[in-house]
Amino acid sequence: MLALVLVLLLVLILAGAGFAVHVLWWIALAVLVLWALGFAFAGGGADGRRWYRW
């Protein structure tokens, strides 16, 4: 009985971690797209300012 509970707990932890990693991949992809759009739509002025301040 204890082994069954431990296996089910392990399955829940691994499934939750897999879901979290999947969500993080989508967030990373969205950030990458925003970063690329920032370079595409940067003003390109003479002072070399970027669209972000850091």
N, C-alpha and C. Protein backbone atom coordinates (compact mmCIF):
# COMPACT_ATOMS: atom_id res chain seq x y z
N MET A 1 0.82 -1.20 0.00
CA MET A 1 0.00 0.00 0.00
C MET A 1 0.87 1.26 0.00
N LEU A 2 1.91 1.25 0.82
CA LEU A 2 2.80 2.40 0.89
C LEU A 2 3.52 2.61 -0.44
N ALA A 3 3.91 1.50 -1.07
CA ALA A 3 4.59 1.60 -2.36
C ALA A 3 3.67 2.21 -3.42
N LEU A 4 2.40 1.84 -3.39
CA LEU A 4 1.44 2.39 -4.34
C LEU A 4 1.27 3.89 -4.14
N VAL A 5 1.19 4.34 -2.90
CA VAL A 5 1.07 5.76 -2.60
C VAL A 5 2.32 6.51 -3.06
N LEU A 6 3.49 5.94 -2.82
CA LEU A 6 4.73 6.57 -3.24
C LEU A 6 4.83 6.67 -4.77
N VAL A 7 4.41 5.63 -5.46
CA VAL A 7 4.43 5.66 -6.93
C VAL A 7 3.45 6.70 -7.45
N LEU A 8 2.26 6.78 -6.89
CA LEU A 8 1.28 7.77 -7.32
C LEU A 8 1.78 9.18 -7.03
N LEU A 9 2.42 9.37 -5.90
CA LEU A 9 2.99 10.67 -5.56
C LEU A 9 4.09 11.06 -6.54
N LEU A 10 4.93 10.10 -6.89
CA LEU A 10 5.99 10.35 -7.86
C LEU A 10 5.41 10.72 -9.23
N VAL A 11 4.35 10.02 -9.64
CA VAL A 11 3.70 10.32 -10.91
C VAL A 11 3.13 11.73 -10.90
N LEU A 12 2.50 12.13 -9.80
CA LEU A 12 1.94 13.48 -9.70
C LEU A 12 3.03 14.54 -9.76
N ILE A 13 4.13 14.30 -9.07
CA ILE A 13 5.23 15.27 -9.07
C ILE A 13 5.82 15.40 -10.47
N LEU A 14 6.07 14.28 -11.13
CA LEU A 14 6.66 14.33 -12.47
C LEU A 14 5.70 14.95 -13.49
N ALA A 15 4.42 14.67 -13.37
CA ALA A 15 3.44 15.26 -14.28
C ALA A 15 3.36 16.77 -14.06
N GLY A 16 3.39 17.20 -12.81
CA GLY A 16 3.37 18.63 -12.51
C GLY A 16 4.61 19.33 -13.01
N ALA A 17 5.75 18.69 -12.86
CA ALA A 17 7.00 19.27 -13.34
C ALA A 17 6.99 19.36 -14.87
N GLY A 18 6.48 18.34 -15.52
CA GLY A 18 6.40 18.37 -16.97
C GLY A 18 5.50 19.49 -17.47
N PHE A 19 4.38 19.68 -16.80
CA PHE A 19 3.47 20.77 -17.17
C PHE A 19 4.14 22.12 -16.97
N ALA A 20 4.85 22.28 -15.85
CA ALA A 20 5.52 23.55 -15.57
C ALA A 20 6.60 23.83 -16.60
N VAL A 21 7.36 22.82 -16.99
CA VAL A 21 8.40 23.00 -17.99
C VAL A 21 7.78 23.36 -19.34
N HIS A 22 6.66 22.75 -19.67
CA HIS A 22 5.97 23.07 -20.92
C HIS A 22 5.52 24.52 -20.93
N VAL A 23 4.96 24.98 -19.83
CA VAL A 23 4.52 26.38 -19.74
C VAL A 23 5.72 27.31 -19.83
N LEU A 24 6.83 26.96 -19.20
CA LEU A 24 8.03 27.80 -19.26
C LEU A 24 8.58 27.90 -20.67
N TRP A 25 8.47 26.83 -21.46
CA TRP A 25 8.91 26.90 -22.85
C TRP A 25 8.08 27.90 -23.64
N TRP A 26 6.76 27.93 -23.40
CA TRP A 26 5.90 28.88 -24.11
C TRP A 26 6.21 30.32 -23.68
N ILE A 27 6.50 30.52 -22.41
CA ILE A 27 6.86 31.86 -21.93
C ILE A 27 8.19 32.29 -22.56
N ALA A 28 9.15 31.38 -22.61
CA ALA A 28 10.44 31.70 -23.22
C ALA A 28 10.28 32.04 -24.70
N LEU A 29 9.41 31.34 -25.40
CA LEU A 29 9.16 31.62 -26.80
C LEU A 29 8.53 33.00 -26.98
N ALA A 30 7.60 33.36 -26.11
CA ALA A 30 6.97 34.68 -26.18
C ALA A 30 7.99 35.78 -25.93
N VAL A 31 8.87 35.58 -24.96
CA VAL A 31 9.90 36.58 -24.68
C VAL A 31 10.87 36.71 -25.85
N LEU A 32 11.20 35.60 -26.48
CA LEU A 32 12.09 35.64 -27.64
C LEU A 32 11.45 36.41 -28.79
N VAL A 33 10.16 36.21 -29.00
CA VAL A 33 9.46 36.94 -30.07
C VAL A 33 9.45 38.44 -29.76
N LEU A 34 9.16 38.80 -28.52
CA LEU A 34 9.16 40.22 -28.15
C LEU A 34 10.55 40.84 -28.31
N TRP A 35 11.57 40.09 -27.96
CA TRP A 35 12.93 40.57 -28.09
C TRP A 35 13.28 40.80 -29.56
N ALA A 36 12.90 39.85 -30.43
CA ALA A 36 13.17 39.99 -31.86
C ALA A 36 12.38 41.16 -32.45
N LEU A 37 11.13 41.34 -32.01
CA LEU A 37 10.34 42.47 -32.50
C LEU A 37 10.96 43.79 -32.06
N GLY A 38 11.55 43.82 -30.89
CA GLY A 38 12.22 45.02 -30.42
C GLY A 38 13.37 45.42 -31.32
N PHE A 39 14.12 44.44 -31.81
CA PHE A 39 15.19 44.76 -32.74
C PHE A 39 14.62 45.17 -34.10
N ALA A 40 13.52 44.55 -34.51
CA ALA A 40 12.95 44.86 -35.82
C ALA A 40 12.37 46.27 -35.85
N PHE A 41 11.75 46.69 -34.74
CA PHE A 41 11.08 47.99 -34.71
C PHE A 41 11.88 49.06 -33.97
N ALA A 42 13.15 48.79 -33.71
CA ALA A 42 13.99 49.79 -33.05
C ALA A 42 14.15 50.99 -33.97
N GLY A 43 14.23 52.16 -33.37
CA GLY A 43 14.32 53.37 -34.17
C GLY A 43 15.58 53.45 -35.00
N GLY A 44 16.68 52.96 -34.47
CA GLY A 44 17.93 53.02 -35.21
C GLY A 44 18.46 54.43 -35.36
N GLY A 45 18.20 55.26 -34.35
CA GLY A 45 18.66 56.65 -34.42
C GLY A 45 20.17 56.76 -34.33
N ALA A 46 20.65 57.99 -34.49
CA ALA A 46 22.09 58.22 -34.48
C ALA A 46 22.71 57.97 -33.10
N ASP A 47 21.92 58.16 -32.05
CA ASP A 47 22.46 57.97 -30.70
C ASP A 47 22.53 56.50 -30.31
N GLY A 48 21.98 55.62 -31.11
CA GLY A 48 22.06 54.19 -30.84
C GLY A 48 21.17 53.74 -29.70
N ARG A 49 20.13 54.48 -29.37
CA ARG A 49 19.24 54.07 -28.28
C ARG A 49 18.47 52.82 -28.68
N ARG A 50 18.28 52.01 -27.71
CA ARG A 50 17.49 50.79 -27.93
C ARG A 50 16.10 51.01 -27.38
N TRP A 51 15.21 50.06 -27.70
CA TRP A 51 13.82 50.18 -27.27
C TRP A 51 13.65 49.84 -25.80
N TYR A 52 14.68 49.28 -25.19
CA TYR A 52 14.63 49.01 -23.76
C TYR A 52 15.67 49.89 -23.07
N ARG A 53 15.55 50.07 -21.77
CA ARG A 53 16.42 51.01 -21.06
C ARG A 53 17.60 50.34 -20.38
N TRP A 54 17.58 49.02 -20.22
CA TRP A 54 18.70 48.37 -19.56
C TRP A 54 19.61 47.87 -20.58
